[in-house]
Amino acid sequence: MDVSTPNKELVEELVRRHQDGVRGFLLYQGAPPHLVDDLVQETFLAFLAARFDERSETATSAFLRTIARHLFLKTMERERRAPVLMDEDAAEAAWVEFERDDGGTSYLAAMRDCLARLRGRALEVVLLRYKDGLRRTAIGERLGLSESGVKALLIRARAALRECVERGLA
């Protein structure tokens, strides 16, 4: 891949402005945490190779998300794994709504506040799954729970977080 960087400062600024959004979108799409950093890096390399003319923040973000989604799907195909993805249009609409007014800052602040309120095993399960990237079987072994017990805890914890975030944003 031939990547020329005509202006190092412009490239650094582009990455600074969009890196968190690309990372969040990949995680939202279901990319495993251990792959996200590589996919983010590949996304920016592909973006630079495409010689995209930056028209607006919105257009640039959308183009980066398209590249990231494509690279994620290619990676899953190469690993012979089938990712569970929502419809591409629905995912794009949900992400645009998330970033709508403030780039997702208020949503993330509400999520941090809600995570701080989560207690006990619900918090443990959420952190092991989403921070450490463990699968339900590994979480169950660590906490002495069955896989279905972990699944039930995750469902309840996500529902509680969703309600809390929605109240925080209302």
Protein backbone atom coordinates (compact mmCIF):
# COMPACT_ATOMS: atom_id res chain seq x y z
CA MET A 1 0.00 0.00 0.00
CA ASP A 2 1.53 3.28 -1.11
CA VAL A 3 0.89 5.92 1.50
CA SER A 4 2.30 9.37 1.07
CA THR A 5 1.96 11.87 3.87
CA PRO A 6 2.27 15.32 2.37
CA ASN A 7 1.90 17.04 5.73
CA LYS A 8 2.72 15.21 8.93
CA GLU A 9 0.89 17.76 11.09
CA LEU A 10 -2.32 17.39 9.06
CA VAL A 11 -2.18 13.60 9.37
CA GLU A 12 -1.58 13.82 13.13
CA GLU A 13 -4.51 16.23 13.46
CA LEU A 14 -6.76 13.92 11.43
CA VAL A 15 -5.87 10.96 13.64
CA ARG A 16 -6.33 13.03 16.82
CA ARG A 17 -9.80 14.18 15.74
CA HIS A 18 -11.11 10.82 14.51
CA GLN A 19 -9.24 8.04 16.31
CA ASP A 20 -11.64 7.73 19.25
CA GLY A 21 -14.65 7.72 16.92
CA VAL A 22 -13.19 4.95 14.76
CA ARG A 23 -12.24 2.95 17.85
CA GLY A 24 -15.71 3.33 19.36
CA PHE A 25 -17.41 2.41 16.10
CA LEU A 26 -15.35 -0.77 15.76
CA LEU A 27 -16.20 -1.79 19.32
CA TYR A 28 -19.85 -0.92 18.63
CA GLN A 29 -19.71 -3.19 15.57
CA GLY A 30 -18.48 -6.05 17.75
CA ALA A 31 -14.77 -6.01 16.97
CA PRO A 32 -12.86 -7.93 19.64
CA PRO A 33 -10.89 -5.55 21.86
CA HIS A 34 -7.60 -7.30 21.02
CA LEU A 35 -8.06 -6.41 17.31
CA VAL A 36 -9.27 -2.83 17.63
CA ASP A 37 -5.87 -1.07 17.76
CA ASP A 38 -4.68 -2.86 14.62
CA LEU A 39 -7.95 -2.13 12.82
CA VAL A 40 -7.80 1.57 13.76
CA GLN A 41 -4.25 1.82 12.43
CA GLU A 42 -5.18 -0.02 9.21
CA THR A 43 -8.20 2.27 8.80
CA PHE A 44 -6.05 5.40 8.79
CA LEU A 45 -3.50 3.84 6.46
CA ALA A 46 -6.26 2.89 4.03
CA PHE A 47 -7.76 6.37 4.37
CA LEU A 48 -4.44 7.98 3.46
CA ALA A 49 -3.91 5.58 0.56
CA ALA A 50 -7.38 6.44 -0.77
CA ARG A 51 -6.36 10.11 -1.03
CA PHE A 52 -9.78 11.19 0.24
CA ASP A 53 -10.40 14.91 -0.09
CA GLU A 54 -11.63 16.04 3.31
CA ARG A 55 -14.87 17.94 2.72
CA SER A 56 -16.33 18.07 6.21
CA GLU A 57 -16.01 16.39 9.60
CA THR A 58 -19.20 14.44 8.91
CA ALA A 59 -18.06 13.17 5.50
CA THR A 60 -14.62 12.27 6.83
CA SER A 61 -16.09 10.40 9.81
CA ALA A 62 -18.50 8.51 7.56
CA PHE A 63 -15.72 7.52 5.16
CA LEU A 64 -13.50 6.36 8.04
CA ARG A 65 -16.38 4.27 9.45
CA THR A 66 -16.93 2.66 6.04
CA ILE A 67 -13.24 1.73 5.83
CA ALA A 68 -13.18 0.44 9.43
CA ARG A 69 -16.28 -1.71 8.92
CA HIS A 70 -14.84 -3.16 5.69
CA LEU A 71 -11.50 -3.98 7.36
CA PHE A 72 -13.28 -5.57 10.32
CA LEU A 73 -15.36 -7.77 8.03
CA LYS A 74 -12.27 -8.73 6.02
CA THR A 75 -10.45 -9.67 9.22
CA MET A 76 -13.34 -11.82 10.42
CA GLU A 77 -13.55 -13.50 7.01
CA ARG A 78 -9.80 -14.19 7.05
CA GLU A 79 -10.16 -15.74 10.52
CA ARG A 80 -13.20 -17.69 9.34
CA ARG A 81 -15.35 -16.09 12.03
CA ALA A 82 -18.81 -14.73 11.38
CA PRO A 83 -19.34 -11.42 13.15
CA VAL A 84 -22.84 -10.61 14.33
CA LEU A 85 -23.52 -7.23 12.79
CA MET A 86 -26.58 -5.08 12.68
CA ASP A 87 -27.79 -3.85 9.32
CA GLU A 88 -25.24 -1.40 7.88
CA ASP A 89 -27.77 1.43 7.48
CA ALA A 90 -29.13 0.91 11.01
CA ALA A 91 -25.61 0.88 12.45
CA GLU A 92 -24.70 4.07 10.59
CA ALA A 93 -27.90 5.82 11.72
CA ALA A 94 -27.35 4.80 15.34
CA TRP A 95 -23.74 5.98 15.27
CA VAL A 96 -24.64 9.33 13.68
CA GLU A 97 -27.27 9.80 16.42
CA PHE A 98 -24.65 8.94 19.05
CA GLU A 99 -22.23 11.57 17.71
CA ARG A 100 -25.03 14.03 16.86
CA ASP A 101 -24.40 17.16 18.89
CA ASP A 102 -21.22 16.73 20.85
CA GLY A 103 -19.34 13.81 19.31
CA GLY A 104 -20.77 11.43 21.90
CA THR A 105 -19.26 13.29 24.87
CA SER A 106 -22.53 13.52 26.82
CA TYR A 107 -23.30 9.86 26.15
CA LEU A 108 -19.86 8.79 27.36
CA ALA A 109 -20.14 10.99 30.46
CA ALA A 110 -23.52 9.41 31.26
CA MET A 111 -22.07 5.93 30.69
CA ARG A 112 -19.12 6.63 33.03
CA ASP A 113 -21.53 7.90 35.69
CA CYS A 114 -23.73 4.83 35.31
CA LEU A 115 -20.75 2.46 35.42
CA ALA A 116 -19.65 4.12 38.66
CA ARG A 117 -23.08 3.29 40.12
CA LEU A 118 -23.01 -0.36 39.05
CA ARG A 119 -22.14 -2.68 41.93
CA GLY A 120 -21.28 -6.27 42.77
CA ARG A 121 -21.18 -9.08 40.27
CA ALA A 122 -22.91 -6.98 37.63
CA LEU A 123 -19.94 -4.60 37.61
CA GLU A 124 -17.46 -7.49 37.68
CA VAL A 125 -19.12 -9.21 34.73
CA VAL A 126 -19.29 -6.00 32.68
CA LEU A 127 -15.61 -5.19 33.32
CA LEU A 128 -14.45 -8.72 32.57
CA ARG A 129 -16.45 -8.82 29.34
CA TYR A 130 -15.89 -5.33 27.95
CA LYS A 131 -12.66 -4.14 29.56
CA ASP A 132 -10.76 -7.42 29.60
CA GLY A 133 -12.49 -8.93 26.55
CA LEU A 134 -13.18 -12.29 28.19
CA ARG A 135 -15.80 -14.64 26.81
CA ARG A 136 -18.72 -15.85 28.92
CA THR A 137 -17.11 -19.24 29.62
CA ALA A 138 -13.93 -17.62 30.96
CA ILE A 139 -15.93 -15.17 33.06
CA GLY A 140 -18.01 -18.04 34.45
CA GLU A 141 -14.88 -19.99 35.40
CA ARG A 142 -13.39 -16.95 37.12
CA LEU A 143 -16.56 -16.10 39.06
CA GLY A 144 -17.89 -19.62 39.65
CA LEU A 145 -20.93 -19.12 37.44
CA SER A 146 -22.42 -21.09 34.59
CA GLU A 147 -22.24 -19.62 31.11
CA SER A 148 -25.99 -19.03 31.20
CA GLY A 149 -25.61 -17.30 34.59
CA VAL A 150 -23.03 -14.95 33.08
CA LYS A 151 -25.31 -14.31 30.10
CA ALA A 152 -28.23 -13.47 32.37
CA LEU A 153 -26.07 -11.12 34.46
CA LEU A 154 -24.81 -9.37 31.34
CA ILE A 155 -28.35 -8.92 30.02
CA ARG A 156 -29.53 -7.41 33.31
CA ALA A 157 -26.42 -5.20 33.65
CA ARG A 158 -26.75 -3.88 30.07
CA ALA A 159 -30.45 -3.17 30.62
CA ALA A 160 -29.66 -1.29 33.86
CA LEU A 161 -26.91 0.69 32.11
CA ARG A 162 -29.19 1.49 29.17
CA GLU A 163 -31.92 2.79 31.50
CA CYS A 164 -29.42 4.80 33.53
CA VAL A 165 -27.82 6.36 30.43
CA GLU A 166 -31.22 7.24 28.97
CA ARG A 167 -32.22 8.92 32.26
CA GLY A 168 -28.88 10.77 32.30
CA LEU A 169 -29.37 12.06 28.77
CA ALA A 170 -33.04 13.04 29.25
